[in-house]
Structure formats: C-alpha cells, structure tokens
Amino acid sequence: MEWRQMCLRDDLPCHASACDACATLPEYGAALGRISASVAVCFVPDALVLLYQMDLLESDVSPLMDELLLLQSVLSAVLTRSAKMWVRARDLTTGEQSTALSDEEIGWSGSAALKRKLKLVAFEREAPVKYGGDVTVMSIRTLVEKYSKQYSRLVELCAVGNAEDNEALEEEGGELDDGELLSKKRRTHSAEHISELVALEGLQSGRYVEGTFRSSPYNLLEASVSIALHKKSNPDDRTTIMLIGKSSHNRAFDGDRVVIELLDRSEWKTVSDRIVEQEAAQDKEGDDGDTNGISHDQVRKDATPSGRVVRVSQRKWQSCSGSLQQSSHSGGGNALFVPADRKIPLVRVLSARIRNLFEKRLIVAVDSWSRFSANPSGHVVQEIGSSGDKNAETEVILIESSVPHRKFSKAALDCLPDGENWAVSEEHIHKRWDLKCKPIASVDPPGCTDIDDALHCVSLPDGEGYEVGIHIADVTAFVQHGSALDMEAAERGTTVYLVGRRFEMLPAMLTSNLCSLVGGVERLAFSVILVMDKDANVLSAEFGRSAIKSRRAMTYEQAQNMLDGIRSKRDHADELGNSLLGLASLAEKLRQRRTDAGALSLASPEVSFELEAETNDVTDVKFYQIRETNKMVEEFMLLSNI
C-alpha cells in the first residue's frame, strides 16, 4: 500500500510582499491570510519552487496561477541541479499564460540601469553582490520590490524549507531577505560558487577550465579533473589537475561537471599516500595552507598541477546506500549518513524517525549542499534492512556496484516465445547447418544450467587432420535487435554471480532452457567449423548458424574422468570419447604454442562455496580445482575469437 502526505489547510500565508493580507500580519510567517482568488497576479518563482513545488505550478487546481514569469537565471540554476525539473519548467513556457523572460529585459526602459548599461540578474536567496561592475545580482524578492511600481502584478514565489541554505531557514523559520542574509553572521565552510555568466567569460578567456570531478576512493581529501589544456594543438593531450583539500573541492561530488581555477605554481600541492575515509575527512577543513600531511620541502619537490572548484555546472547526485552514524546524533531529528561508496562524503539526513533508522541499511538521496554546512543534506528514500543481515548487505553490494537486479519488465517478457511448446522445426533446419549427427558435448562447472557452449571433434576421412566444431547458443534467434528485451539485456550487460544467487542478463526461459545446450535436446546454435591438422594448425574456418543436439552435458570432473579412463585402457572409447581425446590433444598443442609466443597467464586461485540446501548459507569454502578439461574448453573459446 502506498501512502502519500497531502496538505489540506487553506489558511497558510503566501509570504509575498505584494499580498495585503500577509503585510498586515503581526508576525511574519503566522499561519493566516491568503491572496484573494480575484487578484490577477504574475508569479515570479525562484529555483527552489521549480525544483520542489513543480506539481503546484503544473496543476489546474490553484486559481492563483494566472501568469508565471520564469527568469533565465532561475532556469539556469534549476538546470545545474536537475535536468528533469528543467525540462518540466521549460515546458511551462509553452502555455499562453506563461512567459520566459531574459533577466536583462526587466525594467530597462527609462531607468537609470539603461543609461549605466547594467545587466540585472536575479538569483534565489542571494545577497546583493557586484561582479565586475556590470552585473548586479539580487534576490527574487528585491527584484520584485524594485519593479513593483512599474509592474504591480509581480509577486515573488519562494519555496520555504527546501533551500540550499537549510540551516539558515531552520533558524529563521522562513525565507531570509537580503538584509537578513547580509547581517546574519554564520560560519561559511565553502566559498561561494561564481555565477554562470562569470564562469562562461572565464572559460572563454582561459582563466577557468571545465571537466569531470573524480574523487579518490582512498583519500576523500583528494580529487582530480582531467582536462585538455591545448585543445587546438593536441586535443588528446590531457593534463590531470589535482584538487587537494576540502576547500578546493568546494562542495563538488564525484561525477559532477565542474569549473576549476588553476592555481599558481607556488600553490601546487603533492599527492599523499595516506588513506583518508569519510569519518576522518569530516574533521579536516582542508584550508588553502593544507599540505596534505607532506613537508613543505617535499611539496615543492613533488608538487603537481593543482586547482580549486569555483562552480558546479552540472550535478550528478545519485542515491547511495549506507548507514547512519549513531555517534553524530545529538538528540535532534538529524544524523550523519555514512555512504558505502568511499568517494561520497558524509551526508546530513533529516528525519522525524531518525531514532528508528540506526543500525539499518538505508538508501539516501542528496538534496543540496549549502556553503554554510560542512556536509550535504539528504533524505531517506528506502530502508533496505538491518545492518549485518545477509540480504540487506547483498542489496548494498548490488547498489554500490551498479548491478541491475530488478525483475524483467513486462515489455521484455512479452518478447519471449512460448517456452513449453517451442521446439526446433523443419523450417529452422532448412535455413541452418544440420549438425545433429555430430558427437557434440558440453563441459561446464557442476550445477550449471545456462550451458552456452559445446564442442565436437571428428577425424577427417584421410586420417590426416580433424574437423573441430565450436558451438555457441544462438540467442539472436530469440532476441530481436532493438526490441525491449534487447534494450534491457544491453543495460544489464552480463550475468552477475554471487554466492548462491545470480542476476541474469536474459530471462531464465532463455538462459536455462531454450538457449541452454542441454544433452539430448535439439537447440539452435552459431557454429565455427575448423579444419585442423595434427599439429593444431587451422587450415580453414567456416562460420554459420546451425541446429545441434548435444550427446551429453558433462562437468569438468566427468569429462576428465572419461579422458583418464580411456587413456588408461580402463574404458572403451566410443564416438564421444574419441571426440574428447582429439579436443584434449589439440588444446595441449594450442596452449603450448601460445605460451612459447609469450602469452600472459592471469590465472589466480579460485574458491568454490558449499551451501546448505534449505537456508542457502555457506557451510564450507574450498579451492576450485583446475583440470585439463578446464584448459581444453578455454583454448577453443580463445581460438574461436582469434
């Protein structure tokens, strides 16, 4: 059952300075007064309204939404935080009652601004600041007040409680105006980001460069940006700029698109070999004088090109999994969240249920990061389970590794054939090589149900060589290019195996049934037919679609026992046994030839797990034994791809 919270009160104030009802309130922010439905107004929303209250603007419920004035600077601020919300905000301007207006067009006619050639830019909740003498930055409220005489219908629309400056809003209980922002003396943890206009001018002049912010997974105080300093002469020649210290990161996240300022060579720093995780980085301010734990002499000797973030041009905030840090809870409704991904800093989470969320694995979404806060702010999206629980910890691994593990969509499943009634038909055989008479067998690990390859080997009539067949399950017979199933399989990329669980690239109907080359059942395959001499040289190769019928599905151990029995004269060599003997002999020569040519062996010890049948719990761990038959299959898989 899905629950949704809705506000049904009709006596809450609009907080608009042009509202007569709110202006007469004894206390700003009291729950009284509304704009009359008969008043025709033009609302000027700030970025937070577009980010968090878009449903209100899109609905036909409110009689107040007569006209909307969307400022370019506000739309730009929305774009840096949410492309989805930017698209929805842009769509608002397509209606007859909505207008997208460049900030520079406001109030120029007959004003002093025109004579002074000032550019007027309105940002949400920002104190008035002058940039370069020709750009005036002010809050939405100041802009409306400034031009209320010329445009009496303008009313600012500000979101309360979801601002970038969350701490200030909590202290004041409402929106802060420009005077309050200037007079409020609070500690700033990060520098203010430069405006989009200043960033564009700096990028064009070469003062700034832009790239993707990459956090170090071992030291949260270090990050880097790879840039092409000489795009015209050599665009492929890239330079890594180090960003060392929290102040240099300036609230950037791993994956963000950032604008950085290159530091003078005298300010370059050196990369540390220390490991600094989230909790340790929390106590480090990383000021400009920080040498990252290295002596000043060493800094001058080993320093690398360094810089600092001056603007985040595009956010890449994603939900992350982890747990709350109970020691950070001081009795209020918030605590620090420790992400499982070490490249993400601690997140301040607000929740009325904060006490019930400790010792839980959670998914948290990041909402904002104020320069007055040492940590980004976020909210809980989902409770995964209790910390230490096997299923909860598995879920965390899947999320942090970006492993798609949701169920297949209905659209993808609708692409599948009727598994119970499907069979290889005469029409299939007519269009393919009919190889059902060949001594084909598969060799796989024990318990394997998705058998996707098989082999065969027969002596040539002249006795001077072999015909070798390498057969791969033909998935293309069931997955049409561009179909919903094809798109979903491409997103998954591969089948992921965990202990006792697997997350498949394709539905089980294909992997464990119709595309599994099980013994004694006709299946569709894509085959490579090689003619090889006795020294394992390939004389000819043909590729084509086929219909096959595997004689037997064997494990590596079963195939090895068959080889050993035939070689020791203990067992009689039938057609299938002779096929295995030929494959093993050729594989040994192929492997020796690769080794002599300098092939690199990357083999490492593998382990296998024994599971309890009912609970699926691990009962034993053993080293996986590599047999001759393992290497035999490996050689022919390599050969078919050369």
Foldseek 3Di string as FASTA:
>chain_A
DDDDDDDDDDAAEQLWPLAPFQVPDPDRGPSGDYHDLPAAAEEEEALVCLVPVLVVQPDPPDSHPQAYEYEPQRLQVNQQEDVVSSVSVVVSCVDPRYHYDYQQVPPCPPDVCVVVVAREDEHAQDAWDDDPNRYTYAHPNVSCVVCCVVVVRYIYGYDQCQDLPNVVSVVVVGGDHNVCVVPDDFDFLEDAADGPVVLVVCCVVVQKDKFFWAADQFALQKIWGWAQSCCPPDVVDIFIAMQGFPHQARPAAGGFIFIKGWDDLLQFEADDPHGAFQVNSLPGSGDSPDRPPDDPVVGNVHGGTYIGTRHGSHHDWDKFKFFFDVVQDDPAQWTWTGGPRRNAHIEIEGDPCNVVRHQWIFIWTFRHHHSSDSHTYIYTDDTQGGPPDPRSVVVNVCVVVVADFDDQDPQQVVLADDLVPDADDPVNQVAFPEAAVFQKEFEAAPPDQQAFWIKWWDADPVNFWIKIKIKGQDCCVRDPPPGSLNVQLVSNPAWADDQLDIGGSHDCSCRRGQRHQAAQGKHKTWMKIFIAGLLLDTPDIDTIIYIYHHHHYHYLVVLVVLQVCVVVVNDDQDNNSVGSVSLLSSLVSLVVVCVVVPDDDPDDWDKDFDADDPPRHTDDIGTDDDDSSNSSVVSVVVVVVD
